[in-house]
C-alpha atoms as a PDB file:
ATOM      1  CA  UNK A   1     158.564  60.577  41.689  1.00  0.00           C
ATOM      2  CA  UNK A   2     161.254  60.163  44.313  1.00  0.00           C
ATOM      3  CA  UNK A   3     160.244  60.943  47.931  1.00  0.00           C
ATOM      4  CA  UNK A   4     162.349  64.111  48.305  1.00  0.00           C
ATOM      5  CA  UNK A   5     160.778  65.726  45.244  1.00  0.00           C
ATOM      6  CA  UNK A   6     157.303  64.513  46.212  1.00  0.00           C
ATOM      7  CA  UNK A   7     157.640  66.110  49.660  1.00  0.00           C
ATOM      8  CA  UNK A   8     159.055  69.336  48.202  1.00  0.00           C
ATOM      9  CA  UNK A   9     156.089  69.471  45.802  1.00  0.00           C
ATOM     10  CA  UNK A  10     153.670  68.800  48.664  1.00  0.00           C
ATOM     11  CA  UNK A  11     155.132  71.713  50.647  1.00  0.00           C
ATOM     12  CA  UNK A  12     154.856  73.926  47.551  1.00  0.00           C
ATOM     13  CA  UNK A  13     151.186  72.894  47.253  1.00  0.00           C
ATOM     14  CA  UNK A  14     150.691  73.852  50.907  1.00  0.00           C
ATOM     15  CA  UNK A  15     152.124  77.318  50.224  1.00  0.00           C
ATOM     16  CA  UNK A  16     149.994  77.735  47.097  1.00  0.00           C
ATOM     17  CA  UNK A  17     146.866  76.725  49.029  1.00  0.00           C
ATOM     18  CA  UNK A  18     147.656  79.185  51.826  1.00  0.00           C
ATOM     19  CA  UNK A  19     148.314  81.940  49.271  1.00  0.00           C
ATOM     20  CA  UNK A  20     144.995  81.245  47.528  1.00  0.00           C
ATOM     21  CA  UNK A  21     142.919  81.458  50.736  1.00  0.00           C
ATOM     22  CA  UNK A  22     142.166  85.224  50.660  1.00  0.00           C
ATOM     23  CA  UNK A  23     140.567  84.831  47.213  1.00  0.00           C
ATOM     24  CA  UNK A  24     139.300  81.243  47.309  1.00  0.00           C
ATOM     25  CA  UNK A  25     138.750  79.976  50.835  1.00  0.00           C
ATOM     26  CA  UNK A  26     136.779  76.916  49.708  1.00  0.00           C
ATOM     27  CA  UNK A  27     139.510  75.936  47.259  1.00  0.00           C
ATOM     28  CA  UNK A  28     142.189  76.427  49.911  1.00  0.00           C
ATOM     29  CA  UNK A  29     140.286  74.247  52.374  1.00  0.00           C
ATOM     30  CA  UNK A  30     139.822  71.513  49.746  1.00  0.00           C
ATOM     31  CA  UNK A  31     143.543  71.599  48.931  1.00  0.00           C
ATOM     32  CA  UNK A  32     144.474  71.430  52.622  1.00  0.00           C
ATOM     33  CA  UNK A  33     142.306  68.313  53.023  1.00  0.00           C
ATOM     34  CA  UNK A  34     144.580  66.589  50.477  1.00  0.00           C
ATOM     35  CA  UNK A  35     147.804  67.969  51.989  1.00  0.00           C
ATOM     36  CA  UNK A  36     147.403  67.097  55.693  1.00  0.00           C
ATOM     37  CA  UNK A  37     146.816  63.736  57.334  1.00  0.00           C
ATOM     38  CA  UNK A  38     143.440  63.645  59.110  1.00  0.00           C
ATOM     39  CA  UNK A  39     145.220  63.585  62.478  1.00  0.00           C
ATOM     40  CA  UNK A  40     147.744  66.299  61.603  1.00  0.00           C
ATOM     41  CA  UNK A  41     148.910  68.679  64.284  1.00  0.00           C
ATOM     42  CA  UNK A  42     150.688  71.985  64.171  1.00  0.00           C
ATOM     43  CA  UNK A  43     151.880  75.090  65.899  1.00  0.00           C
ATOM     44  CA  UNK A  44     152.407  78.450  64.221  1.00  0.00           C
ATOM     45  CA  UNK A  45     153.702  79.998  67.423  1.00  0.00           C
ATOM     46  CA  UNK A  46     150.316  80.719  69.008  1.00  0.00           C
ATOM     47  CA  UNK A  47     149.512  77.345  70.540  1.00  0.00           C
ATOM     48  CA  UNK A  48     148.856  73.813  69.336  1.00  0.00           C
ATOM     49  CA  UNK A  49     146.295  72.906  66.689  1.00  0.00           C
ATOM     50  CA  UNK A  50     144.967  69.365  66.286  1.00  0.00           C
ATOM     51  CA  UNK A  51     143.403  67.888  63.162  1.00  0.00           C
ATOM     52  CA  UNK A  52     143.495  68.827  59.498  1.00  0.00           C
ATOM     53  CA  UNK A  53     140.286  70.829  59.903  1.00  0.00           C
ATOM     54  CA  UNK A  54     141.732  72.931  62.719  1.00  0.00           C
ATOM     55  CA  UNK A  55     144.848  73.676  60.670  1.00  0.00           C
ATOM     56  CA  UNK A  56     142.799  74.703  57.616  1.00  0.00           C
ATOM     57  CA  UNK A  57     140.534  76.845  59.814  1.00  0.00           C
ATOM     58  CA  UNK A  58     143.512  78.643  61.344  1.00  0.00           C
ATOM     59  CA  UNK A  59     145.129  79.288  57.964  1.00  0.00           C
ATOM     60  CA  UNK A  60     141.913  80.532  56.366  1.00  0.00           C
ATOM     61  CA  UNK A  61     140.746  82.740  59.234  1.00  0.00           C
ATOM     62  CA  UNK A  62     143.635  83.837  61.445  1.00  0.00           C
ATOM     63  CA  UNK A  63     146.236  84.193  58.697  1.00  0.00           C
ATOM     64  CA  UNK A  64     144.566  84.621  55.314  1.00  0.00           C
ATOM     65  CA  UNK A  65     141.428  86.129  56.834  1.00  0.00           C
ATOM     66  CA  UNK A  66     143.405  89.191  57.909  1.00  0.00           C
ATOM     67  CA  UNK A  67     145.221  89.589  54.588  1.00  0.00           C
ATOM     68  CA  UNK A  68     144.306  90.854  51.131  1.00  0.00           C
ATOM     69  CA  UNK A  69     146.971  88.609  49.671  1.00  0.00           C
ATOM     70  CA  UNK A  70     149.826  86.311  50.722  1.00  0.00           C
ATOM     71  CA  UNK A  71     152.967  85.162  48.929  1.00  0.00           C
ATOM     72  CA  UNK A  72     154.982  82.327  50.506  1.00  0.00           C
ATOM     73  CA  UNK A  73     158.563  81.822  49.315  1.00  0.00           C
ATOM     74  CA  UNK A  74     160.411  78.716  50.511  1.00  0.00           C
ATOM     75  CA  UNK A  75     164.196  78.461  50.672  1.00  0.00           C
ATOM     76  CA  UNK A  76     166.924  76.031  51.759  1.00  0.00           C
ATOM     77  CA  UNK A  77     164.990  72.749  51.816  1.00  0.00           C
ATOM     78  CA  UNK A  78     166.400  69.972  53.956  1.00  0.00           C
ATOM     79  CA  UNK A  79     164.395  66.764  53.665  1.00  0.00           C
ATOM     80  CA  UNK A  80     165.276  63.496  55.416  1.00  0.00           C
ATOM     81  CA  UNK A  81     163.402  60.315  54.518  1.00  0.00           C
ATOM     82  CA  UNK A  82     163.076  57.397  56.950  1.00  0.00           C
ATOM     83  CA  UNK A  83     160.932  54.718  55.344  1.00  0.00           C
ATOM     84  CA  UNK A  84     157.326  55.933  55.352  1.00  0.00           C
ATOM     85  CA  UNK A  85     158.048  59.033  57.432  1.00  0.00           C
ATOM     86  CA  UNK A  86     160.141  62.120  56.791  1.00  0.00           C
ATOM     87  CA  UNK A  87     161.208  65.430  58.278  1.00  0.00           C
ATOM     88  CA  UNK A  88     161.463  68.596  56.204  1.00  0.00           C
ATOM     89  CA  UNK A  89     162.892  71.981  57.113  1.00  0.00           C
ATOM     90  CA  UNK A  90     162.588  75.209  55.149  1.00  0.00           C
ATOM     91  CA  UNK A  91     163.382  78.859  55.577  1.00  0.00           C
ATOM     92  CA  UNK A  92     160.359  80.923  54.521  1.00  0.00           C
ATOM     93  CA  UNK A  93     159.589  84.519  53.653  1.00  0.00           C
ATOM     94  CA  UNK A  94     155.936  85.511  53.462  1.00  0.00           C
ATOM     95  CA  UNK A  95     154.935  88.843  51.980  1.00  0.00           C
ATOM     96  CA  UNK A  96     151.376  89.880  52.789  1.00  0.00           C
ATOM     97  CA  UNK A  97     149.086  92.895  52.632  1.00  0.00           C
ATOM     98  CA  UNK A  98     147.008  93.573  55.762  1.00  0.00           C
ATOM     99  CA  UNK A  99     143.284  94.268  55.365  1.00  0.00           C
ATOM    100  CA  UNK A 100     142.887  97.001  57.955  1.00  0.00           C
ATOM    101  CA  UNK A 101     146.024  99.069  57.469  1.00  0.00           C
ATOM    102  CA  UNK A 102     146.935  98.179  53.898  1.00  0.00           C
ATOM    103  CA  UNK A 103     150.482  97.677  55.170  1.00  0.00           C
ATOM    104  CA  UNK A 104     152.697  95.221  53.380  1.00  0.00           C
ATOM    105  CA  UNK A 105     154.526  93.045  55.885  1.00  0.00           C
ATOM    106  CA  UNK A 106     157.276  90.485  55.581  1.00  0.00           C
ATOM    107  CA  UNK A 107     157.207  87.488  57.901  1.00  0.00           C
ATOM    108  CA  UNK A 108     160.426  85.503  58.209  1.00  0.00           C
ATOM    109  CA  UNK A 109     160.773  82.121  59.787  1.00  0.00           C
ATOM    110  CA  UNK A 110     161.449  78.441  59.594  1.00  0.00           C
ATOM    111  CA  UNK A 111     159.190  75.469  59.049  1.00  0.00           C
ATOM    112  CA  UNK A 112     159.970  72.114  60.606  1.00  0.00           C
ATOM    113  CA  UNK A 113     157.442  69.585  59.354  1.00  0.00           C
ATOM    114  CA  UNK A 114     156.871  65.857  59.645  1.00  0.00           C
ATOM    115  CA  UNK A 115     155.452  63.815  56.799  1.00  0.00           C
ATOM    116  CA  UNK A 116     153.849  60.399  56.545  1.00  0.00           C
ATOM    117  CA  UNK A 117     153.171  58.107  53.582  1.00  0.00           C
ATOM    118  CA  UNK A 118     149.396  57.494  53.645  1.00  0.00           C
ATOM    119  CA  UNK A 119     147.329  55.645  51.036  1.00  0.00           C
ATOM    120  CA  UNK A 120     149.973  55.998  48.337  1.00  0.00           C
ATOM    121  CA  UNK A 121     150.881  59.645  48.895  1.00  0.00           C
ATOM    122  CA  UNK A 122     152.951  61.833  51.193  1.00  0.00           C
ATOM    123  CA  UNK A 123     150.988  64.037  53.601  1.00  0.00           C
ATOM    124  CA  UNK A 124     151.973  66.572  56.250  1.00  0.00           C
ATOM    125  CA  UNK A 125     151.396  64.993  59.665  1.00  0.00           C
ATOM    126  CA  UNK A 126     152.884  67.808  61.749  1.00  0.00           C
ATOM    127  CA  UNK A 127     153.674  71.405  60.844  1.00  0.00           C
ATOM    128  CA  UNK A 128     155.711  73.776  62.934  1.00  0.00           C
ATOM    129  CA  UNK A 129     156.531  77.407  62.227  1.00  0.00           C
ATOM    130  CA  UNK A 130     158.894  79.572  64.226  1.00  0.00           C
ATOM    131  CA  UNK A 131     159.037  83.251  63.379  1.00  0.00           C
ATOM    132  CA  UNK A 132     162.367  85.083  63.125  1.00  0.00           C
ATOM    133  CA  UNK A 133     162.469  88.819  63.718  1.00  0.00           C
END
């Protein structure tokens, strides 16, 4: 598979793993271990996170842990390959249902991610999300 499609599929797998977390936290964590590099870092707008485990923990507790369900929808991919590294940008809409209030919210934003070719596969090495209101 060409690198652009492989990275787009990887990002889709990330969204599917995040969406599965409210119902299958163990499965989401296992998927995230295959999606991120071990030394991955990220920021979802609430401060830096370091390591694949910290990113999976944040997604499964702070985001999915407060939601009955999540539905990520990616738009407008822009992927630039540079050898064994890449940058990808997406617009994202996330629909979710809150546990406490039952409210259905829509989160809008942009991802800017960095990717690295590791052991024969693309992985997310840095994830960044900026919310748009």
